[in-house]
Amino acid sequence: VAQQDVNPSMSSVTRLSLPVEGMTCASCVGRVERALKEVTG
């Protein structure tokens, strides 16, 4: 369940945890992280 944190000095943020299948090495981790960071928001 996404958690929302509110800080007076910054806008609210929401955290999400997803189960990912098919990763076998550190390069897989890097690919997934880069792909996620390109998502708007």
PDB file of all heavy atoms in Angstrom:
ATOM      1  N   VAL A   1       0.841  -1.181   0.000  1.00  0.00           N
ATOM      2  CA  VAL A   1       0.000   0.000   0.000  1.00  0.00           C
ATOM      3  C   VAL A   1       0.879   1.233   0.000  1.00  0.00           C
ATOM      4  O   VAL A   1       1.777   1.372   0.820  1.00  0.00           O
ATOM      5  CB  VAL A   1      -0.915  -0.007   1.230  1.00  0.00           C
ATOM      6  CG1 VAL A   1      -1.751   1.248   1.268  1.00  0.00           C
ATOM      7  CG2 VAL A   1      -1.778  -1.235   1.228  1.00  0.00           C
ATOM      8  N   ALA A   2       0.619   2.110  -0.925  1.00  0.00           N
ATOM      9  CA  ALA A   2       1.466   3.291  -1.050  1.00  0.00           C
ATOM     10  C   ALA A   2       1.380   4.134   0.200  1.00  0.00           C
ATOM     11  O   ALA A   2       0.321   4.312   0.765  1.00  0.00           O
ATOM     12  CB  ALA A   2       1.040   4.098  -2.271  1.00  0.00           C
ATOM     13  N   GLN A   3       2.508   4.667   0.623  1.00  0.00           N
ATOM     14  CA  GLN A   3       2.553   5.520   1.797  1.00  0.00           C
ATOM     15  C   GLN A   3       2.809   6.939   1.352  1.00  0.00           C
ATOM     16  O   GLN A   3       3.655   7.207   0.500  1.00  0.00           O
ATOM     17  CB  GLN A   3       3.668   5.072   2.749  1.00  0.00           C
ATOM     18  CG  GLN A   3       3.483   3.643   3.244  1.00  0.00           C
ATOM     19  CD  GLN A   3       4.642   3.212   4.106  1.00  0.00           C
ATOM     20  OE1 GLN A   3       5.692   3.836   4.089  1.00  0.00           O
ATOM     21  NE2 GLN A   3       4.437   2.154   4.853  1.00  0.00           N
ATOM     22  N   GLN A   4       2.077   7.870   1.973  1.00  0.00           N
ATOM     23  CA  GLN A   4       2.219   9.271   1.596  1.00  0.00           C
ATOM     24  C   GLN A   4       2.818  10.034   2.770  1.00  0.00           C
ATOM     25  O   GLN A   4       2.338   9.965   3.881  1.00  0.00           O
ATOM     26  CB  GLN A   4       0.844   9.852   1.232  1.00  0.00           C
ATOM     27  CG  GLN A   4       0.955  11.227   0.613  1.00  0.00           C
ATOM     28  CD  GLN A   4      -0.386  11.679   0.056  1.00  0.00           C
ATOM     29  OE1 GLN A   4      -1.390  11.050   0.286  1.00  0.00           O
ATOM     30  NE2 GLN A   4      -0.377  12.770  -0.652  1.00  0.00           N
ATOM     31  N   ASP A   5       3.907  10.750   2.503  1.00  0.00           N
ATOM     32  CA  ASP A   5       4.566  11.548   3.525  1.00  0.00           C
ATOM     33  C   ASP A   5       4.404  13.017   3.166  1.00  0.00           C
ATOM     34  O   ASP A   5       4.593  13.417   2.021  1.00  0.00           O
ATOM     35  CB  ASP A   5       6.063  11.217   3.602  1.00  0.00           C
ATOM     36  CG  ASP A   5       6.286   9.745   3.919  1.00  0.00           C
ATOM     37  OD1 ASP A   5       5.451   9.187   4.635  1.00  0.00           O
ATOM     38  OD2 ASP A   5       7.288   9.188   3.435  1.00  0.00           O
ATOM     39  N   VAL A   6       4.069  13.790   4.177  1.00  0.00           N
ATOM     40  CA  VAL A   6       3.900  15.220   3.943  1.00  0.00           C
ATOM     41  C   VAL A   6       4.900  15.977   4.793  1.00  0.00           C
ATOM     42  O   VAL A   6       4.985  15.770   6.001  1.00  0.00           O
ATOM     43  CB  VAL A   6       2.462  15.664   4.296  1.00  0.00           C
ATOM     44  CG1 VAL A   6       2.299  17.149   4.064  1.00  0.00           C
ATOM     45  CG2 VAL A   6       1.458  14.880   3.480  1.00  0.00           C
ATOM     46  N   ASN A   7       5.667  16.865   4.165  1.00  0.00           N
ATOM     47  CA  ASN A   7       6.659  17.669   4.862  1.00  0.00           C
ATOM     48  C   ASN A   7       6.365  19.131   4.556  1.00  0.00           C
ATOM     49  O   ASN A   7       6.151  19.489   3.403  1.00  0.00           O
ATOM     50  CB  ASN A   7       8.073  17.290   4.390  1.00  0.00           C
ATOM     51  CG  ASN A   7       9.143  17.953   5.231  1.00  0.00           C
ATOM     52  OD1 ASN A   7       9.170  19.169   5.371  1.00  0.00           O
ATOM     53  ND2 ASN A   7      10.039  17.139   5.753  1.00  0.00           N
ATOM     54  N   PRO A   8       6.338  19.982   5.553  1.00  0.00           N
ATOM     55  CA  PRO A   8       5.995  21.364   5.295  1.00  0.00           C
ATOM     56  C   PRO A   8       6.894  22.020   4.277  1.00  0.00           C
ATOM     57  O   PRO A   8       6.504  22.957   3.593  1.00  0.00           O
ATOM     58  CB  PRO A   8       6.152  22.025   6.674  1.00  0.00           C
ATOM     59  CG  PRO A   8       6.015  20.891   7.666  1.00  0.00           C
ATOM     60  CD  PRO A   8       6.584  19.714   6.981  1.00  0.00           C
ATOM     61  N   SER A   9       8.110  21.538   4.169  1.00  0.00           N
ATOM     62  CA  SER A   9       9.067  22.201   3.286  1.00  0.00           C
ATOM     63  C   SER A   9       9.125  21.596   1.901  1.00  0.00           C
ATOM     64  O   SER A   9       9.864  22.045   1.058  1.00  0.00           O
ATOM     65  CB  SER A   9      10.476  22.132   3.919  1.00  0.00           C
ATOM     66  OG  SER A   9      10.864  20.779   4.065  1.00  0.00           O
ATOM     67  N   MET A  10       8.351  20.530   1.683  1.00  0.00           N
ATOM     68  CA  MET A  10       8.392  19.906   0.367  1.00  0.00           C
ATOM     69  C   MET A  10       7.029  19.329   0.040  1.00  0.00           C
ATOM     70  O   MET A  10       6.189  19.146   0.906  1.00  0.00           O
ATOM     71  CB  MET A  10       9.469  18.808   0.316  1.00  0.00           C
ATOM     72  CG  MET A  10       9.235  17.676   1.315  1.00  0.00           C
ATOM     73  SD  MET A  10      10.535  16.428   1.317  1.00  0.00           S
ATOM     74  CE  MET A  10      10.359  15.776  -0.315  1.00  0.00           C
ATOM     75  N   SER A  11       6.787  19.066  -1.243  1.00  0.00           N
ATOM     76  CA  SER A  11       5.506  18.516  -1.659  1.00  0.00           C
ATOM     77  C   SER A  11       5.379  17.077  -1.189  1.00  0.00           C
ATOM     78  O   SER A  11       6.361  16.425  -0.869  1.00  0.00           O
ATOM     79  CB  SER A  11       5.388  18.584  -3.192  1.00  0.00           C
ATOM     80  OG  SER A  11       6.436  17.852  -3.790  1.00  0.00           O
ATOM     81  N   SER A  12       4.162  16.573  -1.142  1.00  0.00           N
ATOM     82  CA  SER A  12       3.912  15.213  -0.670  1.00  0.00           C
ATOM     83  C   SER A  12       4.519  14.209  -1.637  1.00  0.00           C
ATOM     84  O   SER A  12       4.597  14.443  -2.843  1.00  0.00           O
ATOM     85  CB  SER A  12       2.408  14.977  -0.547  1.00  0.00           C
ATOM     86  OG  SER A  12       1.793  15.115  -1.811  1.00  0.00           O
ATOM     87  N   VAL A  13       4.948  13.080  -1.088  1.00  0.00           N
ATOM     88  CA  VAL A  13       5.520  12.014  -1.905  1.00  0.00           C
ATOM     89  C   VAL A  13       4.791  10.717  -1.588  1.00  0.00           C
ATOM     90  O   VAL A  13       4.239  10.540  -0.509  1.00  0.00           O
ATOM     91  CB  VAL A  13       7.034  11.845  -1.642  1.00  0.00           C
ATOM     92  CG1 VAL A  13       7.782  13.083  -2.047  1.00  0.00           C
ATOM     93  CG2 VAL A  13       7.287  11.497  -0.181  1.00  0.00           C
ATOM     94  N   THR A  14       4.789   9.807  -2.558  1.00  0.00           N
ATOM     95  CA  THR A  14       4.151   8.506  -2.392  1.00  0.00           C
ATOM     96  C   THR A  14       5.148   7.422  -2.737  1.00  0.00           C
ATOM     97  O   THR A  14       5.847   7.525  -3.747  1.00  0.00           O
ATOM     98  CB  THR A  14       2.920   8.386  -3.305  1.00  0.00           C
ATOM     99  OG1 THR A  14       2.086   9.516  -3.120  1.00  0.00           O
ATOM    100  CG2 THR A  14       2.137   7.131  -2.985  1.00  0.00           C
ATOM    101  N   ARG A  15       5.227   6.417  -1.889  1.00  0.00           N
ATOM    102  CA  ARG A  15       6.156   5.314  -2.110  1.00  0.00           C
ATOM    103  C   ARG A  15       5.401   4.067  -2.557  1.00  0.00           C
ATOM    104  O   ARG A  15       4.329   3.767  -2.038  1.00  0.00           O
ATOM    105  CB  ARG A  15       6.963   5.035  -0.840  1.00  0.00           C
ATOM    106  CG  ARG A  15       7.893   6.174  -0.456  1.00  0.00           C
ATOM    107  CD  ARG A  15       8.794   5.800   0.714  1.00  0.00           C
ATOM    108  NE  ARG A  15       9.749   6.857   0.988  1.00  0.00           N
ATOM    109  CZ  ARG A  15       9.518   7.878   1.800  1.00  0.00           C
ATOM    110  NH1 ARG A  15       8.355   7.961   2.431  1.00  0.00           N
ATOM    111  NH2 ARG A  15      10.425   8.814   1.995  1.00  0.00           N
ATOM    112  N   LEU A  16       6.005   3.352  -3.503  1.00  0.00           N
ATOM    113  CA  LEU A  16       5.394   2.156  -4.066  1.00  0.00           C
ATOM    114  C   LEU A  16       6.442   1.068  -4.171  1.00  0.00           C
ATOM    115  O   LEU A  16       7.584   1.334  -4.552  1.00  0.00           O
ATOM    116  CB  LEU A  16       4.826   2.487  -5.467  1.00  0.00           C
ATOM    117  CG  LEU A  16       3.846   1.510  -6.086  1.00  0.00           C
ATOM    118  CD1 LEU A  16       2.567   1.453  -5.283  1.00  0.00           C
ATOM    119  CD2 LEU A  16       3.541   1.929  -7.517  1.00  0.00           C
ATOM    120  N   SER A  17       6.075  -0.159  -3.825  1.00  0.00           N
ATOM    121  CA  SER A  17       6.990  -1.300  -3.908  1.00  0.00           C
ATOM    122  C   SER A  17       6.412  -2.324  -4.870  1.00  0.00           C
ATOM    123  O   SER A  17       5.282  -2.786  -4.687  1.00  0.00           O
ATOM    124  CB  SER A  17       7.188  -1.921  -2.520  1.00  0.00           C
ATOM    125  OG  SER A  17       8.069  -3.031  -2.599  1.00  0.00           O
ATOM    126  N   LEU A  18       7.199  -2.687  -5.895  1.00  0.00           N
ATOM    127  CA  LEU A  18       6.722  -3.607  -6.929  1.00  0.00           C
ATOM    128  C   LEU A  18       7.594  -4.862  -6.974  1.00  0.00           C
ATOM    129  O   LEU A  18       8.822  -4.773  -6.892  1.00  0.00           O
ATOM    130  CB  LEU A  18       6.762  -2.938  -8.304  1.00  0.00           C
ATOM    131  CG  LEU A  18       5.988  -1.629  -8.474  1.00  0.00           C
ATOM    132  CD1 LEU A  18       6.155  -1.119  -9.902  1.00  0.00           C
ATOM    133  CD2 LEU A  18       4.530  -1.831  -8.155  1.00  0.00           C
ATOM    134  N   PRO A  19       6.977  -6.050  -7.141  1.00  0.00           N
ATOM    135  CA  PRO A  19       7.751  -7.287  -7.315  1.00  0.00           C
ATOM    136  C   PRO A  19       8.181  -7.438  -8.774  1.00  0.00           C
ATOM    137  O   PRO A  19       7.347  -7.429  -9.679  1.00  0.00           O
ATOM    138  CB  PRO A  19       6.743  -8.383  -6.919  1.00  0.00           C
ATOM    139  CG  PRO A  19       5.407  -7.795  -7.227  1.00  0.00           C
ATOM    140  CD  PRO A  19       5.527  -6.308  -7.046  1.00  0.00           C
ATOM    141  N   VAL A  20       9.478  -7.564  -9.007  1.00  0.00           N
ATOM    142  CA  VAL A  20      10.009  -7.632 -10.373  1.00  0.00           C
ATOM    143  C   VAL A  20      10.593  -9.021 -10.618  1.00  0.00           C
ATOM    144  O   VAL A  20      11.379  -9.532  -9.812  1.00  0.00           O
ATOM    145  CB  VAL A  20      11.094  -6.559 -10.602  1.00  0.00           C
ATOM    146  CG1 VAL A  20      11.591  -6.599 -12.040  1.00  0.00           C
ATOM    147  CG2 VAL A  20      10.544  -5.183 -10.268  1.00  0.00           C
ATOM    148  N   GLU A  21      10.233  -9.634 -11.735  1.00  0.00           N
ATOM    149  CA  GLU A  21      10.737 -10.962 -12.092  1.00  0.00           C
ATOM    150  C   GLU A  21      11.636 -10.872 -13.312  1.00  0.00           C
ATOM    151  O   GLU A  21      11.457  -9.997 -14.163  1.00  0.00           O
ATOM    152  CB  GLU A  21       9.573 -11.921 -12.371  1.00  0.00           C
ATOM    153  CG  GLU A  21       8.742 -12.256 -11.147  1.00  0.00           C
ATOM    154  CD  GLU A  21       7.652 -13.258 -11.481  1.00  0.00           C
ATOM    155  OE1 GLU A  21       7.253 -13.345 -12.653  1.00  0.00           O
ATOM    156  OE2 GLU A  21       7.191 -13.955 -10.560  1.00  0.00           O
ATOM    157  N   GLY A  22      12.599 -11.805 -13.397  1.00  0.00           N
ATOM    158  CA  GLY A  22      13.460 -11.895 -14.580  1.00  0.00           C
ATOM    159  C   GLY A  22      14.829 -11.295 -14.405  1.00  0.00           C
ATOM    160  O   GLY A  22      15.679 -11.408 -15.297  1.00  0.00           O
ATOM    161  N   MET A  23      15.129 -10.653 -13.280  1.00  0.00           N
ATOM    162  CA  MET A  23      16.451 -10.061 -13.061  1.00  0.00           C
ATOM    163  C   MET A  23      17.450 -11.143 -12.654  1.00  0.00           C
ATOM    164  O   MET A  23      17.132 -12.024 -11.849  1.00  0.00           O
ATOM    165  CB  MET A  23      16.385  -8.988 -11.974  1.00  0.00           C
ATOM    166  CG  MET A  23      15.511  -7.804 -12.319  1.00  0.00           C
ATOM    167  SD  MET A  23      15.613  -6.475 -11.082  1.00  0.00           S
ATOM    168  CE  MET A  23      15.009  -7.323  -9.610  1.00  0.00           C
ATOM    169  N   THR A  24      18.670 -11.076 -13.221  1.00  0.00           N
ATOM    170  CA  THR A  24      19.678 -12.098 -12.929  1.00  0.00           C
ATOM    171  C   THR A  24      21.002 -11.526 -12.442  1.00  0.00           C
ATOM    172  O   THR A  24      21.827 -12.253 -11.890  1.00  0.00           O
ATOM    173  CB  THR A  24      19.943 -12.948 -14.183  1.00  0.00           C
ATOM    174  OG1 THR A  24      20.364 -12.081 -15.249  1.00  0.00           O
ATOM    175  CG2 THR A  24      18.692 -13.704 -14.608  1.00  0.00           C
ATOM    176  N   CYS A  25      21.226 -10.224 -12.636  1.00  0.00           N
ATOM    177  CA  CYS A  25      22.529  -9.650 -12.278  1.00  0.00           C
ATOM    178  C   CYS A  25      22.392  -8.161 -11.996  1.00  0.00           C
ATOM    179  O   CYS A  25      21.307  -7.582 -12.106  1.00  0.00           O
ATOM    180  CB  CYS A  25      23.537  -9.889 -13.400  1.00  0.00           C
ATOM    181  SG  CYS A  25      23.020  -9.159 -14.975  1.00  0.00           S
ATOM    182  N   ALA A  26      23.522  -7.550 -11.666  1.00  0.00           N
ATOM    183  CA  ALA A  26      23.522  -6.117 -11.336  1.00  0.00           C
ATOM    184  C   ALA A  26      23.131  -5.254 -12.520  1.00  0.00           C
ATOM    185  O   ALA A  26      22.530  -4.178 -12.355  1.00  0.00           O
ATOM    186  CB  ALA A  26      24.899  -5.718 -10.825  1.00  0.00           C
ATOM    187  N   SER A  27      23.471  -5.708 -13.729  1.00  0.00           N
ATOM    188  CA  SER A  27      23.106  -4.912 -14.904  1.00  0.00           C
ATOM    189  C   SER A  27      21.592  -4.872 -15.085  1.00  0.00           C
ATOM    190  O   SER A  27      21.036  -3.865 -15.543  1.00  0.00           O
ATOM    191  CB  SER A  27      23.774  -5.480 -16.161  1.00  0.00           C
ATOM    192  OG  SER A  27      23.330  -6.802 -16.407  1.00  0.00           O
ATOM    193  N   CYS A  28      20.926  -5.967 -14.698  1.00  0.00           N
ATOM    194  CA  CYS A  28      19.458  -5.982 -14.756  1.00  0.00           C
ATOM    195  C   CYS A  28      18.892  -4.936 -13.803  1.00  0.00           C
ATOM    196  O   CYS A  28      17.955  -4.208 -14.129  1.00  0.00           O
ATOM    197  CB  CYS A  28      18.914  -7.361 -14.382  1.00  0.00           C
ATOM    198  SG  CYS A  28      19.419  -8.689 -15.488  1.00  0.00           S
ATOM    199  N   VAL A  29      19.491  -4.876 -12.624  1.00  0.00           N
ATOM    200  CA  VAL A  29      19.053  -3.889 -11.638  1.00  0.00           C
ATOM    201  C   VAL A  29      19.192  -2.483 -12.203  1.00  0.00           C
ATOM    202  O   VAL A  29      18.300  -1.638 -12.087  1.00  0.00           O
ATOM    203  CB  VAL A  29      19.874  -4.026 -10.337  1.00  0.00           C
ATOM    204  CG1 VAL A  29      19.580  -2.866  -9.385  1.00  0.00           C
ATOM    205  CG2 VAL A  29      19.572  -5.361  -9.664  1.00  0.00           C
ATOM    206  N   GLY A  30      20.327  -2.219 -12.838  1.00  0.00           N
ATOM    207  CA  GLY A  30      20.566  -0.902 -13.420  1.00  0.00           C
ATOM    208  C   GLY A  30      19.551  -0.556 -14.495  1.00  0.00           C
ATOM    209  O   GLY A  30      19.078   0.583 -14.568  1.00  0.00           O
ATOM    210  N   ARG A  31      19.235  -1.537 -15.346  1.00  0.00           N
ATOM    211  CA  ARG A  31      18.260  -1.277 -16.412  1.00  0.00           C
ATOM    212  C   ARG A  31      16.896  -0.907 -15.835  1.00  0.00           C
ATOM    213  O   ARG A  31      16.234   0.022 -16.304  1.00  0.00           O
ATOM    214  CB  ARG A  31      18.132  -2.510 -17.311  1.00  0.00           C
ATOM    215  CG  ARG A  31      19.348  -2.789 -18.164  1.00  0.00           C
ATOM    216  CD  ARG A  31      19.050  -3.854 -19.207  1.00  0.00           C
ATOM    217  NE  ARG A  31      20.266  -4.338 -19.827  1.00  0.00           N
ATOM    218  CZ  ARG A  31      20.918  -5.447 -19.451  1.00  0.00           C
ATOM    219  NH1 ARG A  31      20.441  -6.180 -18.452  1.00  0.00           N
ATOM    220  NH2 ARG A  31      22.027  -5.816 -20.060  1.00  0.00           N
ATOM    221  N   VAL A  32      16.462  -1.673 -14.833  1.00  0.00           N
ATOM    222  CA  VAL A  32      15.148  -1.406 -14.243  1.00  0.00           C
ATOM    223  C   VAL A  32      15.130  -0.034 -13.576  1.00  0.00           C
ATOM    224  O   VAL A  32      14.169   0.737 -13.727  1.00  0.00           O
ATOM    225  CB  VAL A  32      14.775  -2.512 -13.229  1.00  0.00           C
ATOM    226  CG1 VAL A  32      13.471  -2.170 -12.525  1.00  0.00           C
ATOM    227  CG2 VAL A  32      14.660  -3.857 -13.930  1.00  0.00           C
ATOM    228  N   GLU A  33      16.196   0.291 -12.856  1.00  0.00           N
ATOM    229  CA  GLU A  33      16.245   1.595 -12.185  1.00  0.00           C
ATOM    230  C   GLU A  33      16.216   2.733 -13.189  1.00  0.00           C
ATOM    231  O   GLU A  33      15.504   3.734 -12.994  1.00  0.00           O
ATOM    232  CB  GLU A  33      17.500   1.681 -11.313  1.00  0.00           C
ATOM    233  CG  GLU A  33      17.429   0.821 -10.056  1.00  0.00           C
ATOM    234  CD  GLU A  33      18.665   0.985  -9.195  1.00  0.00           C
ATOM    235  OE1 GLU A  33      19.674   1.529  -9.704  1.00  0.00           O
ATOM    236  OE2 GLU A  33      18.628   0.560  -8.021  1.00  0.00           O
ATOM    237  N   ARG A  34      16.980   2.593 -14.280  1.00  0.00           N
ATOM    238  CA  ARG A  34      16.995   3.658 -15.288  1.00  0.00           C
ATOM    239  C   ARG A  34      15.617   3.814 -15.937  1.00  0.00           C
ATOM    240  O   ARG A  34      15.163   4.934 -16.180  1.00  0.00           O
ATOM    241  CB  ARG A  34      18.060   3.356 -16.353  1.00  0.00           C
ATOM    242  CG  ARG A  34      19.491   3.622 -15.887  1.00  0.00           C
ATOM    243  CD  ARG A  34      20.449   3.601 -17.063  1.00  0.00           C
ATOM    244  NE  ARG A  34      20.519   2.281 -17.679  1.00  0.00           N
ATOM    245  CZ  ARG A  34      21.330   1.300 -17.301  1.00  0.00           C
ATOM    246  NH1 ARG A  34      22.156   1.496 -16.263  1.00  0.00           N
ATOM    247  NH2 ARG A  34      21.346   0.132 -17.911  1.00  0.00           N
ATOM    248  N   ALA A  35      14.971   2.687 -16.207  1.00  0.00           N
ATOM    249  CA  ALA A  35      13.638   2.741 -16.828  1.00  0.00           C
ATOM    250  C   ALA A  35      12.626   3.412 -15.902  1.00  0.00           C
ATOM    251  O   ALA A  35      11.790   4.214 -16.346  1.00  0.00           O
ATOM    252  CB  ALA A  35      13.165   1.324 -17.176  1.00  0.00           C
ATOM    253  N   LEU A  36      12.713   3.113 -14.618  1.00  0.00           N
ATOM    254  CA  LEU A  36      11.772   3.703 -13.665  1.00  0.00           C
ATOM    255  C   LEU A  36      12.018   5.191 -13.484  1.00  0.00           C
ATOM    256  O   LEU A  36      11.076   5.978 -13.331  1.00  0.00           O
ATOM    257  CB  LEU A  36      11.874   2.983 -12.315  1.00  0.00           C
ATOM    258  CG  LEU A  36      11.298   1.562 -12.271  1.00  0.00           C
ATOM    259  CD1 LEU A  36      11.636   0.877 -10.960  1.00  0.00           C
ATOM    260  CD2 LEU A  36       9.778   1.599 -12.467  1.00  0.00           C
ATOM    261  N   LYS A  37      13.275   5.612 -13.492  1.00  0.00           N
ATOM    262  CA  LYS A  37      13.588   7.021 -13.282  1.00  0.00           C
ATOM    263  C   LYS A  37      13.129   7.896 -14.439  1.00  0.00           C
ATOM    264  O   LYS A  37      13.000   9.114 -14.292  1.00  0.00           O
ATOM    265  CB  LYS A  37      15.090   7.192 -13.055  1.00  0.00           C
ATOM    266  CG  LYS A  37      15.551   6.670 -11.696  1.00  0.00           C
ATOM    267  CD  LYS A  37      17.061   6.768 -11.524  1.00  0.00           C
ATOM    268  CE  LYS A  37      17.490   6.216 -10.169  1.00  0.00           C
ATOM    269  NZ  LYS A  37      18.962   6.243  -9.976  1.00  0.00           N
ATOM    270  N   GLU A  38      12.884   7.269 -15.584  1.00  0.00           N
ATOM    271  CA  GLU A  38      12.396   8.027 -16.732  1.00  0.00           C
ATOM    272  C   GLU A  38      10.884   8.260 -16.675  1.00  0.00           C
ATOM    273  O   GLU A  38      10.339   9.031 -17.456  1.00  0.00           O
ATOM    274  CB  GLU A  38      12.748   7.295 -18.033  1.00  0.00           C
ATOM    275  CG  GLU A  38      14.251   7.285 -18.325  1.00  0.00           C
ATOM    276  CD  GLU A  38      14.587   6.494 -19.578  1.00  0.00           C
ATOM    277  OE1 GLU A  38      13.630   5.952 -20.195  1.00  0.00           O
ATOM    278  OE2 GLU A  38      15.767   6.414 -19.936  1.00  0.00           O
ATOM    279  N   VAL A  39      10.202   7.563 -15.740  1.00  0.00           N
ATOM    280  CA  VAL A  39       8.749   7.731 -15.614  1.00  0.00           C
ATOM    281  C   VAL A  39       8.441   9.099 -15.018  1.00  0.00           C
ATOM    282  O   VAL A  39       9.066   9.524 -14.040  1.00  0.00           O
ATOM    283  CB  VAL A  39       8.151   6.613 -14.731  1.00  0.00           C
ATOM    284  CG1 VAL A  39       6.665   6.846 -14.501  1.00  0.00           C
ATOM    285  CG2 VAL A  39       8.389   5.257 -15.374  1.00  0.00           C
ATOM    286  N   THR A  40       7.480   9.779 -15.581  1.00  0.00           N
ATOM    287  CA  THR A  40       7.087  11.102 -15.090  1.00  0.00           C
ATOM    288  C   THR A  40       6.613  11.015 -13.637  1.00  0.00           C
ATOM    289  O   THR A  40       5.760  10.176 -13.309  1.00  0.00           O
ATOM    290  CB  THR A  40       5.964  11.680 -15.960  1.00  0.00           C
ATOM    291  OG1 THR A  40       6.400  11.728 -17.311  1.00  0.00           O
ATOM    292  CG2 THR A  40       5.579  13.081 -15.495  1.00  0.00           C
ATOM    293  N   GLY A  41       7.173  11.858 -12.791  1.00  0.00           N
ATOM    294  CA  GLY A  41       6.745  11.899 -11.398  1.00  0.00           C
ATOM    295  C   GLY A  41       7.589  11.077 -10.465  1.00  0.00           C
ATOM    296  O   GLY A  41       7.460  11.183  -9.241  1.00  0.00           O
TER     297      GLY A  41
END
